[in-house]
Amino acid sequence: MSKTVCPAATTRPTVAIMLPVVETDEEWDAIVGDEKLMRAGAQDLCTRLGLGDAPLTRFPDGSQPVYAVGEDRVLKLFPTSAARDGIAEGRVLSHLHGLLPVPTPGVDDFGPYENGWQYVLMSRLRGENLARAWERIPRPDRERLVTEIGEALAVLHSLDPAPLEDVLGPGDWGAFLDRQRANAVARQRGHGLPDSWLEQIPGFLASVPLPRTPRRSLLHTEVMQQHFLVDPDGWRLTGLFDFEPAMIGDAAYDFVGVGLFVTRGDPHLLARLTAAYGSGVDPSHALAYTLLHVYSNLPWYLRELEGPAEGTLSGLARAWFGA
C-alpha cells in the first residue's frame, strides 16, 4: 500500500458511518445517485485524510463516484462490490507512476474506508478530455495524437506485470477465453443483437486461433479517447487514467478499445498508431477479442461505427481493425 497522507487517516472516526454496505447492483443504483449521502461519505473520508477544508466537486462521468478535492487531488470511491477494483487501481497507478510517456495519476494514498468501501486519493491530471475535443482537432494533430497513444501503449505492454499478479486477473488466459466464449452469444443476445449476427458468432470465434498462453502484458483494457486528456494548446497528450479494469494477458486485447474508440474504424489512423506501437494486430483477432471482451456490447458498437454492407463478422473485422 502507498504511503499514508497523514496519521489522521488511520484513526477511528468520531462520526457515524456515512456509506453503507453495497453488494448488489440494486443497492448500488440506490446509493450512487444519492449525492447527499455520497458527498457526506467523501467529506468524512477527506477529513480523516487531513483534507477536510478542501472543496469537493463531483465529476459527472465514470462508473465510480469521483471527486475533485481542491485543485490538485482526485478522490475515487469504490463500493463493497467493487472493492477489488479499488485495490487494483491503487496498486497499478503506484506501479506505473513515471514509467509511461503520457502522465498517469500519482497516488497519494489508497486503502479501505468503512463497510468494505475502498478509496484512491490521487493527483489531478490537467487537460481536456480527448473524446470531447476530438471533433475540433485538426487532422495532422489527430495523427500525431494517435502516434503518441501507440507509443504509450507499447511502453505499457513492455512492462513486467509480475509485481501486480496478486491483484490483477484473469490468471489463466486460456480459461478466461473459454469462459468468455461460452457466454458470448448469450451476452450479445442480452444486449439485443439481431439473430443474423448472433448465428455467426460461434463459427467466427472457432475460426480465430487466439493464443491460450500469450506473452503476459499489463493491459489497460479500455484504451478509449474518453480516458485520455489533451492540452488544446498544441494538442498534446497530458494524461491517461482509469486503470481499475486493468488485467494481465494478451496485448491484442487492448486493441479492442483502440479500434472502436480511438481510431474508430479509420484505417489510416490505425496504421499510424500501430506503426508507432511497433506492430500491427490481426483484424480477426481484434474482433474476436471484441466479442470476448468483459464489457462487450456489439449492438452499441454497430450504432457508433459504420459496418460492412455485407453484414458479416469478417467484414466487421476488416472495417474496424484493418489498417
C-alpha atoms as a PDB file:
ATOM      1  CA  MET A   1       0.000   0.000   0.000  1.00  0.00           C
ATOM      2  CA  SER A   2       1.119   3.542  -0.657  1.00  0.00           C
ATOM      3  CA  LYS A   3       2.344   5.987   1.889  1.00  0.00           C
ATOM      4  CA  THR A   4      -0.409   7.421   4.081  1.00  0.00           C
ATOM      5  CA  VAL A   5      -1.098  11.107   3.598  1.00  0.00           C
ATOM      6  CA  CYS A   6      -1.330  11.831   7.301  1.00  0.00           C
ATOM      7  CA  PRO A   7      -1.703   9.944  10.594  1.00  0.00           C
ATOM      8  CA  ALA A   8      -5.347  11.021  10.780  1.00  0.00           C
ATOM      9  CA  ALA A   9      -6.156   8.556   8.003  1.00  0.00           C
ATOM     10  CA  THR A  10      -5.678   5.645  10.397  1.00  0.00           C
ATOM     11  CA  THR A  11      -7.668   6.945  13.362  1.00  0.00           C
ATOM     12  CA  ARG A  12     -11.154   5.707  14.141  1.00  0.00           C
ATOM     13  CA  PRO A  13     -13.999   8.024  13.091  1.00  0.00           C
ATOM     14  CA  THR A  14     -15.753  10.230  15.603  1.00  0.00           C
ATOM     15  CA  VAL A  15     -18.878  10.485  13.423  1.00  0.00           C
ATOM     16  CA  ALA A  16     -21.415   7.952  12.249  1.00  0.00           C
ATOM     17  CA  ILE A  17     -20.503   5.731   9.315  1.00  0.00           C
ATOM     18  CA  MET A  18     -21.576   7.538   6.186  1.00  0.00           C
ATOM     19  CA  LEU A  19     -21.542   4.930   3.426  1.00  0.00           C
ATOM     20  CA  PRO A  20     -23.484   1.658   3.733  1.00  0.00           C
ATOM     21  CA  VAL A  21     -22.562  -1.793   2.538  1.00  0.00           C
ATOM     22  CA  VAL A  22     -23.175  -2.108  -1.216  1.00  0.00           C
ATOM     23  CA  GLU A  23     -23.052  -5.665  -2.501  1.00  0.00           C
ATOM     24  CA  THR A  24     -25.658  -5.780  -5.289  1.00  0.00           C
ATOM     25  CA  ASP A  25     -26.458  -3.767  -8.409  1.00  0.00           C
ATOM     26  CA  GLU A  26     -29.763  -2.755  -6.855  1.00  0.00           C
ATOM     27  CA  GLU A  27     -28.064  -1.388  -3.755  1.00  0.00           C
ATOM     28  CA  TRP A  28     -25.551   0.433  -5.935  1.00  0.00           C
ATOM     29  CA  ASP A  29     -28.253   2.027  -8.079  1.00  0.00           C
ATOM     30  CA  ALA A  30     -29.956   3.299  -4.942  1.00  0.00           C
ATOM     31  CA  ILE A  31     -26.773   4.798  -3.496  1.00  0.00           C
ATOM     32  CA  VAL A  32     -24.685   6.160  -6.374  1.00  0.00           C
ATOM     33  CA  GLY A  33     -27.203   8.853  -7.315  1.00  0.00           C
ATOM     34  CA  ASP A  34     -27.754   9.968  -3.719  1.00  0.00           C
ATOM     35  CA  GLU A  35     -25.360  12.891  -3.837  1.00  0.00           C
ATOM     36  CA  LYS A  36     -26.140  13.993  -0.283  1.00  0.00           C
ATOM     37  CA  LEU A  37     -25.053  10.609   1.057  1.00  0.00           C
ATOM     38  CA  MET A  38     -22.101  10.208  -1.307  1.00  0.00           C
ATOM     39  CA  ARG A  39     -20.800  13.692  -0.575  1.00  0.00           C
ATOM     40  CA  ALA A  40     -21.108  13.151   3.174  1.00  0.00           C
ATOM     41  CA  GLY A  41     -19.043   9.987   2.895  1.00  0.00           C
ATOM     42  CA  ALA A  42     -16.441  11.648   0.698  1.00  0.00           C
ATOM     43  CA  GLN A  43     -16.232  14.601   3.089  1.00  0.00           C
ATOM     44  CA  ASP A  44     -15.816  12.318   6.083  1.00  0.00           C
ATOM     45  CA  LEU A  45     -13.023  10.427   4.343  1.00  0.00           C
ATOM     46  CA  CYS A  46     -11.284  13.655   3.318  1.00  0.00           C
ATOM     47  CA  THR A  47     -11.421  14.814   6.919  1.00  0.00           C
ATOM     48  CA  ARG A  48      -9.727  11.613   8.041  1.00  0.00           C
ATOM     49  CA  LEU A  49      -7.080  12.170   5.366  1.00  0.00           C
ATOM     50  CA  GLY A  50      -6.346  15.681   6.587  1.00  0.00           C
ATOM     51  CA  LEU A  51      -8.130  17.356   3.668  1.00  0.00           C
ATOM     52  CA  GLY A  52     -11.341  18.380   5.386  1.00  0.00           C
ATOM     53  CA  ASP A  53     -11.051  22.026   4.345  1.00  0.00           C
ATOM     54  CA  ALA A  54     -10.638  21.267   0.624  1.00  0.00           C
ATOM     55  CA  PRO A  55     -13.756  21.833  -1.515  1.00  0.00           C
ATOM     56  CA  LEU A  56     -15.285  18.769  -3.198  1.00  0.00           C
ATOM     57  CA  THR A  57     -16.553  18.781  -6.777  1.00  0.00           C
ATOM     58  CA  ARG A  58     -18.053  15.598  -8.193  1.00  0.00           C
ATOM     59  CA  PHE A  59     -17.138  14.670 -11.753  1.00  0.00           C
ATOM     60  CA  PRO A  60     -20.195  13.830 -13.878  1.00  0.00           C
ATOM     61  CA  ASP A  61     -18.632  10.843 -15.673  1.00  0.00           C
ATOM     62  CA  GLY A  62     -17.309   7.465 -14.643  1.00  0.00           C
ATOM     63  CA  SER A  63     -18.637   4.196 -13.274  1.00  0.00           C
ATOM     64  CA  GLN A  64     -17.488   5.059  -9.733  1.00  0.00           C
ATOM     65  CA  PRO A  65     -18.048   8.249  -7.705  1.00  0.00           C
ATOM     66  CA  VAL A  66     -15.088  10.556  -8.322  1.00  0.00           C
ATOM     67  CA  TYR A  67     -14.488  13.946  -6.693  1.00  0.00           C
ATOM     68  CA  ALA A  68     -12.021  16.735  -7.278  1.00  0.00           C
ATOM     69  CA  VAL A  69     -10.512  17.563  -3.886  1.00  0.00           C
ATOM     70  CA  GLY A  70      -9.383  21.166  -4.093  1.00  0.00           C
ATOM     71  CA  GLU A  71      -7.361  21.971  -7.196  1.00  0.00           C
ATOM     72  CA  ASP A  72      -4.732  19.238  -7.141  1.00  0.00           C
ATOM     73  CA  ARG A  73      -6.251  15.937  -6.000  1.00  0.00           C
ATOM     74  CA  VAL A  74      -8.924  13.452  -7.013  1.00  0.00           C
ATOM     75  CA  LEU A  75     -10.759  11.024  -4.702  1.00  0.00           C
ATOM     76  CA  LYS A  76     -12.257   7.891  -6.252  1.00  0.00           C
ATOM     77  CA  LEU A  77     -14.624   5.712  -4.227  1.00  0.00           C
ATOM     78  CA  PHE A  78     -15.312   2.005  -4.739  1.00  0.00           C
ATOM     79  CA  PRO A  79     -18.256   0.251  -3.045  1.00  0.00           C
ATOM     80  CA  THR A  80     -18.069  -3.137  -1.356  1.00  0.00           C
ATOM     81  CA  SER A  81     -18.979  -4.943  -4.566  1.00  0.00           C
ATOM     82  CA  ALA A  82     -16.103  -3.276  -6.451  1.00  0.00           C
ATOM     83  CA  ALA A  83     -13.537  -3.244  -3.650  1.00  0.00           C
ATOM     84  CA  ARG A  84     -11.034  -5.303  -5.638  1.00  0.00           C
ATOM     85  CA  ASP A  85     -11.170  -2.708  -8.416  1.00  0.00           C
ATOM     86  CA  GLY A  86     -10.151  -0.034  -5.936  1.00  0.00           C
ATOM     87  CA  ILE A  87      -7.232  -2.113  -4.681  1.00  0.00           C
ATOM     88  CA  ALA A  88      -6.200  -2.852  -8.262  1.00  0.00           C
ATOM     89  CA  GLU A  89      -6.300   0.789  -9.342  1.00  0.00           C
ATOM     90  CA  GLY A  90      -4.270   1.916  -6.360  1.00  0.00           C
ATOM     91  CA  ARG A  91      -1.631  -0.728  -6.996  1.00  0.00           C
ATOM     92  CA  VAL A  92      -1.484  -0.240 -10.773  1.00  0.00           C
ATOM     93  CA  LEU A  93      -1.197   3.547 -10.580  1.00  0.00           C
ATOM     94  CA  SER A  94       1.506   3.261  -7.921  1.00  0.00           C
ATOM     95  CA  HIS A  95       3.393   0.814 -10.140  1.00  0.00           C
ATOM     96  CA  LEU A  96       3.061   2.911 -13.308  1.00  0.00           C
ATOM     97  CA  HIS A  97       3.887   6.358 -11.970  1.00  0.00           C
ATOM     98  CA  GLY A  98       6.532   7.979 -14.153  1.00  0.00           C
ATOM     99  CA  LEU A  99       7.013   4.941 -16.400  1.00  0.00           C
ATOM    100  CA  LEU A 100       4.838   5.891 -19.387  1.00  0.00           C
ATOM    101  CA  PRO A 101       5.454   8.685 -21.913  1.00  0.00           C
ATOM    102  CA  VAL A 102       1.993  10.047 -21.035  1.00  0.00           C
ATOM    103  CA  PRO A 103       1.283  11.153 -17.444  1.00  0.00           C
ATOM    104  CA  THR A 104      -0.799   8.931 -15.183  1.00  0.00           C
ATOM    105  CA  PRO A 105      -2.182   9.978 -11.786  1.00  0.00           C
ATOM    106  CA  GLY A 106       0.215   9.776  -8.880  1.00  0.00           C
ATOM    107  CA  VAL A 107      -1.170   8.014  -5.805  1.00  0.00           C
ATOM    108  CA  ASP A 108      -1.208   9.925  -2.534  1.00  0.00           C
ATOM    109  CA  ASP A 109      -2.990   7.186  -0.631  1.00  0.00           C
ATOM    110  CA  PHE A 110      -5.324   4.226  -1.138  1.00  0.00           C
ATOM    111  CA  GLY A 111      -6.970   1.696   1.104  1.00  0.00           C
ATOM    112  CA  PRO A 112     -10.158   0.740   2.979  1.00  0.00           C
ATOM    113  CA  TYR A 113     -12.762   3.166   4.248  1.00  0.00           C
ATOM    114  CA  GLU A 114     -15.804   1.688   6.024  1.00  0.00           C
ATOM    115  CA  ASN A 115     -18.234  -1.166   5.274  1.00  0.00           C
ATOM    116  CA  GLY A 116     -15.950  -2.632   2.630  1.00  0.00           C
ATOM    117  CA  TRP A 117     -15.529   0.587   0.634  1.00  0.00           C
ATOM    118  CA  GLN A 118     -12.132   1.342  -0.882  1.00  0.00           C
ATOM    119  CA  TYR A 119     -10.695   4.657  -1.992  1.00  0.00           C
ATOM    120  CA  VAL A 120      -7.859   6.006  -4.089  1.00  0.00           C
ATOM    121  CA  LEU A 121      -6.602   9.537  -3.469  1.00  0.00           C
ATOM    122  CA  MET A 122      -4.541  10.629  -6.453  1.00  0.00           C
ATOM    123  CA  SER A 123      -3.062  13.660  -8.144  1.00  0.00           C
ATOM    124  CA  ARG A 124      -5.251  15.505 -10.632  1.00  0.00           C
ATOM    125  CA  LEU A 125      -4.205  15.418 -14.273  1.00  0.00           C
ATOM    126  CA  ARG A 126      -4.590  18.537 -16.395  1.00  0.00           C
ATOM    127  CA  GLY A 127      -6.156  18.833 -19.806  1.00  0.00           C
ATOM    128  CA  GLU A 128      -9.357  18.400 -21.789  1.00  0.00           C
ATOM    129  CA  ASN A 129     -10.976  15.046 -22.391  1.00  0.00           C
ATOM    130  CA  LEU A 130      -9.868  13.766 -25.799  1.00  0.00           C
ATOM    131  CA  ALA A 131     -13.318  12.421 -26.709  1.00  0.00           C
ATOM    132  CA  ARG A 132     -14.941  15.811 -26.138  1.00  0.00           C
ATOM    133  CA  ALA A 133     -12.207  17.638 -28.035  1.00  0.00           C
ATOM    134  CA  TRP A 134     -11.875  15.204 -30.963  1.00  0.00           C
ATOM    135  CA  GLU A 135     -14.152  16.995 -33.454  1.00  0.00           C
ATOM    136  CA  ARG A 136     -12.181  20.244 -33.002  1.00  0.00           C
ATOM    137  CA  ILE A 137      -8.769  18.675 -33.507  1.00  0.00           C
ATOM    138  CA  PRO A 138      -7.211  19.191 -36.968  1.00  0.00           C
ATOM    139  CA  ARG A 139      -6.305  16.058 -38.903  1.00  0.00           C
ATOM    140  CA  PRO A 140      -2.497  16.460 -38.567  1.00  0.00           C
ATOM    141  CA  ASP A 141      -2.875  16.775 -34.799  1.00  0.00           C
ATOM    142  CA  ARG A 142      -5.120  13.709 -34.660  1.00  0.00           C
ATOM    143  CA  GLU A 143      -2.429  11.787 -36.484  1.00  0.00           C
ATOM    144  CA  ARG A 144       0.198  12.921 -34.004  1.00  0.00           C
ATOM    145  CA  LEU A 145      -2.053  12.072 -31.038  1.00  0.00           C
ATOM    146  CA  VAL A 146      -2.679   8.512 -32.199  1.00  0.00           C
ATOM    147  CA  THR A 147       1.069   8.188 -32.698  1.00  0.00           C
ATOM    148  CA  GLU A 148       1.584   9.224 -29.082  1.00  0.00           C
ATOM    149  CA  ILE A 149      -1.070   6.741 -27.958  1.00  0.00           C
ATOM    150  CA  GLY A 150       0.658   3.954 -29.893  1.00  0.00           C
ATOM    151  CA  GLU A 151       3.979   4.814 -28.255  1.00  0.00           C
ATOM    152  CA  ALA A 152       2.418   4.877 -24.777  1.00  0.00           C
ATOM    153  CA  LEU A 153       0.669   1.551 -25.346  1.00  0.00           C
ATOM    154  CA  ALA A 154       3.945  -0.032 -26.473  1.00  0.00           C
ATOM    155  CA  VAL A 155       5.638   1.026 -23.245  1.00  0.00           C
ATOM    156  CA  LEU A 156       2.695  -0.177 -21.131  1.00  0.00           C
ATOM    157  CA  HIS A 157       2.795  -3.610 -22.768  1.00  0.00           C
ATOM    158  CA  SER A 158       6.573  -3.853 -22.372  1.00  0.00           C
ATOM    159  CA  LEU A 159       6.463  -3.502 -18.579  1.00  0.00           C
ATOM    160  CA  ASP A 160       6.883  -6.550 -16.360  1.00  0.00           C
ATOM    161  CA  PRO A 161       3.418  -7.273 -14.900  1.00  0.00           C
ATOM    162  CA  ALA A 162       4.729  -9.714 -12.279  1.00  0.00           C
ATOM    163  CA  PRO A 163       4.530  -7.234  -9.352  1.00  0.00           C
ATOM    164  CA  LEU A 164       0.774  -6.938  -9.974  1.00  0.00           C
ATOM    165  CA  GLU A 165      -0.110 -10.607 -10.423  1.00  0.00           C
ATOM    166  CA  ASP A 166      -1.566 -10.820  -6.912  1.00  0.00           C
ATOM    167  CA  VAL A 167      -4.220  -8.185  -7.671  1.00  0.00           C
ATOM    168  CA  LEU A 168      -4.875  -8.484 -11.415  1.00  0.00           C
ATOM    169  CA  GLY A 169      -6.614 -11.310 -13.242  1.00  0.00           C
ATOM    170  CA  PRO A 170      -7.514 -13.357 -15.006  1.00  0.00           C
ATOM    171  CA  GLY A 171      -4.567 -15.651 -14.238  1.00  0.00           C
ATOM    172  CA  ASP A 172      -5.122 -18.469 -16.723  1.00  0.00           C
ATOM    173  CA  TRP A 173      -5.703 -16.672 -20.054  1.00  0.00           C
ATOM    174  CA  GLY A 174      -6.925 -19.788 -21.828  1.00  0.00           C
ATOM    175  CA  ALA A 175      -9.508 -20.468 -19.131  1.00  0.00           C
ATOM    176  CA  PHE A 176     -10.621 -16.831 -19.346  1.00  0.00           C
ATOM    177  CA  LEU A 177     -11.153 -17.196 -23.098  1.00  0.00           C
ATOM    178  CA  ASP A 178     -13.157 -20.382 -22.549  1.00  0.00           C
ATOM    179  CA  ARG A 179     -15.465 -18.648 -20.063  1.00  0.00           C
ATOM    180  CA  GLN A 180     -15.987 -15.659 -22.321  1.00  0.00           C
ATOM    181  CA  ARG A 181     -16.547 -17.845 -25.393  1.00  0.00           C
ATOM    182  CA  ALA A 182     -19.135 -19.974 -23.588  1.00  0.00           C
ATOM    183  CA  ASN A 183     -21.261 -16.890 -22.852  1.00  0.00           C
ATOM    184  CA  ALA A 184     -20.538 -14.858 -25.986  1.00  0.00           C
ATOM    185  CA  VAL A 185     -23.854 -15.444 -27.776  1.00  0.00           C
ATOM    186  CA  ALA A 186     -25.985 -15.031 -24.654  1.00  0.00           C
ATOM    187  CA  ARG A 187     -24.145 -11.807 -23.770  1.00  0.00           C
ATOM    188  CA  GLN A 188     -24.859 -10.229 -27.144  1.00  0.00           C
ATOM    189  CA  ARG A 189     -28.436 -11.538 -27.192  1.00  0.00           C
ATOM    190  CA  GLY A 190     -28.945  -9.811 -23.860  1.00  0.00           C
ATOM    191  CA  HIS A 191     -27.824  -6.557 -25.472  1.00  0.00           C
ATOM    192  CA  GLY A 192     -30.342  -7.012 -28.266  1.00  0.00           C
ATOM    193  CA  LEU A 193     -28.113  -8.186 -31.123  1.00  0.00           C
ATOM    194  CA  PRO A 194     -30.224  -9.488 -34.062  1.00  0.00           C
ATOM    195  CA  ASP A 195     -30.198 -13.197 -34.900  1.00  0.00           C
ATOM    196  CA  SER A 196     -28.465 -12.530 -38.224  1.00  0.00           C
ATOM    197  CA  TRP A 197     -25.361 -11.533 -36.250  1.00  0.00           C
ATOM    198  CA  LEU A 198     -25.813 -13.943 -33.333  1.00  0.00           C
ATOM    199  CA  GLU A 199     -25.738 -17.014 -35.546  1.00  0.00           C
ATOM    200  CA  GLN A 200     -22.323 -16.020 -36.916  1.00  0.00           C
ATOM    201  CA  ILE A 201     -20.573 -15.754 -33.539  1.00  0.00           C
ATOM    202  CA  PRO A 202     -19.776 -19.434 -32.756  1.00  0.00           C
ATOM    203  CA  GLY A 203     -18.322 -20.118 -36.196  1.00  0.00           C
ATOM    204  CA  PHE A 204     -16.324 -16.908 -36.266  1.00  0.00           C
ATOM    205  CA  LEU A 205     -14.804 -17.494 -32.833  1.00  0.00           C
ATOM    206  CA  ALA A 206     -13.987 -21.093 -33.732  1.00  0.00           C
ATOM    207  CA  SER A 207     -12.118 -19.871 -36.818  1.00  0.00           C
ATOM    208  CA  VAL A 208      -9.810 -17.487 -34.917  1.00  0.00           C
ATOM    209  CA  PRO A 209      -6.804 -19.150 -33.195  1.00  0.00           C
ATOM    210  CA  LEU A 210      -6.360 -16.865 -30.197  1.00  0.00           C
ATOM    211  CA  PRO A 211      -3.296 -17.712 -28.084  1.00  0.00           C
ATOM    212  CA  ARG A 212      -4.059 -19.524 -24.839  1.00  0.00           C
ATOM    213  CA  THR A 213      -0.660 -18.738 -23.312  1.00  0.00           C
ATOM    214  CA  PRO A 214       0.349 -15.364 -24.785  1.00  0.00           C
ATOM    215  CA  ARG A 215       3.248 -13.234 -23.627  1.00  0.00           C
ATOM    216  CA  ARG A 216       1.843 -11.679 -20.478  1.00  0.00           C
ATOM    217  CA  SER A 217       1.329  -7.926 -20.802  1.00  0.00           C
ATOM    218  CA  LEU A 218      -0.119  -5.318 -18.478  1.00  0.00           C
ATOM    219  CA  LEU A 219      -3.400  -4.241 -20.094  1.00  0.00           C
ATOM    220  CA  HIS A 220      -5.430  -1.093 -19.566  1.00  0.00           C
ATOM    221  CA  THR A 221      -8.408  -2.898 -21.257  1.00  0.00           C
ATOM    222  CA  GLU A 222     -10.287   0.343 -22.058  1.00  0.00           C
ATOM    223  CA  VAL A 223      -7.932   2.310 -24.326  1.00  0.00           C
ATOM    224  CA  MET A 224     -10.502   4.900 -25.404  1.00  0.00           C
ATOM    225  CA  GLN A 225     -10.486   8.591 -26.283  1.00  0.00           C
ATOM    226  CA  GLN A 226     -12.570   9.030 -23.124  1.00  0.00           C
ATOM    227  CA  HIS A 227      -9.611   8.001 -20.955  1.00  0.00           C
ATOM    228  CA  PHE A 228      -7.049  10.430 -22.380  1.00  0.00           C
ATOM    229  CA  LEU A 229      -6.537  14.122 -21.664  1.00  0.00           C
ATOM    230  CA  VAL A 230      -5.035  16.623 -24.094  1.00  0.00           C
ATOM    231  CA  ASP A 231      -3.719  20.165 -23.991  1.00  0.00           C
ATOM    232  CA  PRO A 232      -5.689  22.242 -26.522  1.00  0.00           C
ATOM    233  CA  ASP A 233      -2.650  24.496 -26.886  1.00  0.00           C
ATOM    234  CA  GLY A 234      -0.761  22.330 -29.350  1.00  0.00           C
ATOM    235  CA  TRP A 235      -2.896  19.188 -28.904  1.00  0.00           C
ATOM    236  CA  ARG A 236      -0.541  17.003 -26.897  1.00  0.00           C
ATOM    237  CA  LEU A 237      -1.465  14.140 -24.575  1.00  0.00           C
ATOM    238  CA  THR A 238      -1.462  15.217 -20.935  1.00  0.00           C
ATOM    239  CA  GLY A 239      -2.929  12.187 -19.210  1.00  0.00           C
ATOM    240  CA  LEU A 240      -4.149   8.580 -19.230  1.00  0.00           C
ATOM    241  CA  PHE A 241      -6.436   7.454 -16.413  1.00  0.00           C
ATOM    242  CA  ASP A 242      -8.978   4.832 -15.241  1.00  0.00           C
ATOM    243  CA  PHE A 243      -6.901   1.715 -14.607  1.00  0.00           C
ATOM    244  CA  GLU A 244      -9.459  -0.005 -12.367  1.00  0.00           C
ATOM    245  CA  PRO A 245     -10.291  -2.703 -15.004  1.00  0.00           C
ATOM    246  CA  ALA A 246      -6.611  -3.463 -15.733  1.00  0.00           C
ATOM    247  CA  MET A 247      -5.686  -7.068 -16.486  1.00  0.00           C
ATOM    248  CA  ILE A 248      -2.687  -9.183 -17.412  1.00  0.00           C
ATOM    249  CA  GLY A 249      -2.934 -11.022 -20.720  1.00  0.00           C
ATOM    250  CA  ASP A 250      -2.593 -10.839 -24.491  1.00  0.00           C
ATOM    251  CA  ALA A 251      -1.580  -7.366 -25.701  1.00  0.00           C
ATOM    252  CA  ALA A 252      -4.006  -7.666 -28.634  1.00  0.00           C
ATOM    253  CA  TYR A 253      -6.894  -7.431 -26.150  1.00  0.00           C
ATOM    254  CA  ASP A 254      -6.110  -3.718 -25.702  1.00  0.00           C
ATOM    255  CA  PHE A 255      -6.675  -3.100 -29.408  1.00  0.00           C
ATOM    256  CA  VAL A 256     -10.423  -3.589 -28.976  1.00  0.00           C
ATOM    257  CA  GLY A 257     -10.697  -0.139 -27.411  1.00  0.00           C
ATOM    258  CA  VAL A 258      -8.117   1.255 -29.832  1.00  0.00           C
ATOM    259  CA  GLY A 259     -10.053   0.277 -32.946  1.00  0.00           C
ATOM    260  CA  LEU A 260     -13.508   1.087 -31.612  1.00  0.00           C
ATOM    261  CA  PHE A 261     -12.904   4.219 -29.554  1.00  0.00           C
ATOM    262  CA  VAL A 262      -9.587   5.775 -30.615  1.00  0.00           C
ATOM    263  CA  THR A 263      -9.197   5.311 -34.368  1.00  0.00           C
ATOM    264  CA  ARG A 264     -12.919   4.475 -34.788  1.00  0.00           C
ATOM    265  CA  GLY A 265     -12.638   2.466 -37.980  1.00  0.00           C
ATOM    266  CA  ASP A 266     -10.242   4.892 -39.686  1.00  0.00           C
ATOM    267  CA  PRO A 267      -7.624   2.622 -41.327  1.00  0.00           C
ATOM    268  CA  HIS A 268      -5.104   5.442 -41.803  1.00  0.00           C
ATOM    269  CA  LEU A 269      -5.178   6.450 -38.141  1.00  0.00           C
ATOM    270  CA  LEU A 270      -4.914   2.810 -37.068  1.00  0.00           C
ATOM    271  CA  ALA A 271      -1.926   2.343 -39.384  1.00  0.00           C
ATOM    272  CA  ARG A 272      -0.163   5.317 -37.768  1.00  0.00           C
ATOM    273  CA  LEU A 273      -0.944   4.056 -34.285  1.00  0.00           C
ATOM    274  CA  THR A 274       0.290   0.525 -34.945  1.00  0.00           C
ATOM    275  CA  ALA A 275       3.422   1.853 -36.667  1.00  0.00           C
ATOM    276  CA  ALA A 276       4.215   3.803 -33.510  1.00  0.00           C
ATOM    277  CA  TYR A 277       3.343   0.755 -31.404  1.00  0.00           C
ATOM    278  CA  GLY A 278       5.807  -1.343 -33.389  1.00  0.00           C
ATOM    279  CA  SER A 279       3.489  -3.999 -34.784  1.00  0.00           C
ATOM    280  CA  GLY A 280       0.001  -4.435 -36.138  1.00  0.00           C
ATOM    281  CA  VAL A 281      -2.890  -6.528 -34.899  1.00  0.00           C
ATOM    282  CA  ASP A 282      -4.691  -9.207 -36.904  1.00  0.00           C
ATOM    283  CA  PRO A 283      -8.202  -7.821 -37.605  1.00  0.00           C
ATOM    284  CA  SER A 284      -9.832 -11.192 -36.929  1.00  0.00           C
ATOM    285  CA  HIS A 285      -8.043 -11.453 -33.563  1.00  0.00           C
ATOM    286  CA  ALA A 286      -9.161  -7.940 -32.641  1.00  0.00           C
ATOM    287  CA  LEU A 287     -12.794  -8.666 -33.484  1.00  0.00           C
ATOM    288  CA  ALA A 288     -12.673 -11.982 -31.635  1.00  0.00           C
ATOM    289  CA  TYR A 289     -11.451 -10.124 -28.561  1.00  0.00           C
ATOM    290  CA  THR A 290     -14.211  -7.571 -29.164  1.00  0.00           C
ATOM    291  CA  LEU A 291     -16.764 -10.370 -28.827  1.00  0.00           C
ATOM    292  CA  LEU A 292     -14.962 -11.841 -25.798  1.00  0.00           C
ATOM    293  CA  HIS A 293     -14.242  -8.578 -24.011  1.00  0.00           C
ATOM    294  CA  VAL A 294     -15.528  -8.319 -20.458  1.00  0.00           C
ATOM    295  CA  TYR A 295     -17.666  -5.309 -21.416  1.00  0.00           C
ATOM    296  CA  SER A 296     -18.539  -6.386 -24.967  1.00  0.00           C
ATOM    297  CA  ASN A 297     -21.669  -4.802 -26.450  1.00  0.00           C
ATOM    298  CA  LEU A 298     -21.780  -5.356 -30.203  1.00  0.00           C
ATOM    299  CA  PRO A 299     -25.141  -3.590 -30.787  1.00  0.00           C
ATOM    300  CA  TRP A 300     -23.682  -0.424 -29.247  1.00  0.00           C
ATOM    301  CA  TYR A 301     -20.594  -0.613 -31.450  1.00  0.00           C
ATOM    302  CA  LEU A 302     -22.754  -1.108 -34.547  1.00  0.00           C
ATOM    303  CA  ARG A 303     -24.666   2.051 -33.658  1.00  0.00           C
ATOM    304  CA  GLU A 304     -21.463   4.006 -33.089  1.00  0.00           C
ATOM    305  CA  LEU A 305     -19.478   2.873 -36.134  1.00  0.00           C
ATOM    306  CA  GLU A 306     -20.254   2.018 -39.731  1.00  0.00           C
ATOM    307  CA  GLY A 307     -20.370  -1.687 -40.508  1.00  0.00           C
ATOM    308  CA  PRO A 308     -19.774  -3.511 -43.794  1.00  0.00           C
ATOM    309  CA  ALA A 309     -22.549  -3.681 -46.361  1.00  0.00           C
ATOM    310  CA  GLU A 310     -22.474  -7.484 -46.387  1.00  0.00           C
ATOM    311  CA  GLY A 311     -23.274  -7.712 -42.677  1.00  0.00           C
ATOM    312  CA  THR A 312     -20.648 -10.303 -41.730  1.00  0.00           C
ATOM    313  CA  LEU A 313     -18.298 -10.560 -38.789  1.00  0.00           C
ATOM    314  CA  SER A 314     -15.321 -10.986 -41.092  1.00  0.00           C
ATOM    315  CA  GLY A 315     -16.399  -7.734 -42.779  1.00  0.00           C
ATOM    316  CA  LEU A 316     -16.607  -6.036 -39.386  1.00  0.00           C
ATOM    317  CA  ALA A 317     -13.069  -7.170 -38.587  1.00  0.00           C
ATOM    318  CA  ARG A 318     -11.757  -5.530 -41.767  1.00  0.00           C
ATOM    319  CA  ALA A 319     -13.872  -2.371 -41.351  1.00  0.00           C
ATOM    320  CA  TRP A 320     -12.957  -1.686 -37.735  1.00  0.00           C
ATOM    321  CA  PHE A 321      -9.495  -3.160 -37.346  1.00  0.00           C
ATOM    322  CA  GLY A 322      -7.978  -3.160 -40.830  1.00  0.00           C
ATOM    323  CA  ALA A 323      -5.072  -0.756 -41.174  1.00  0.00           C
END
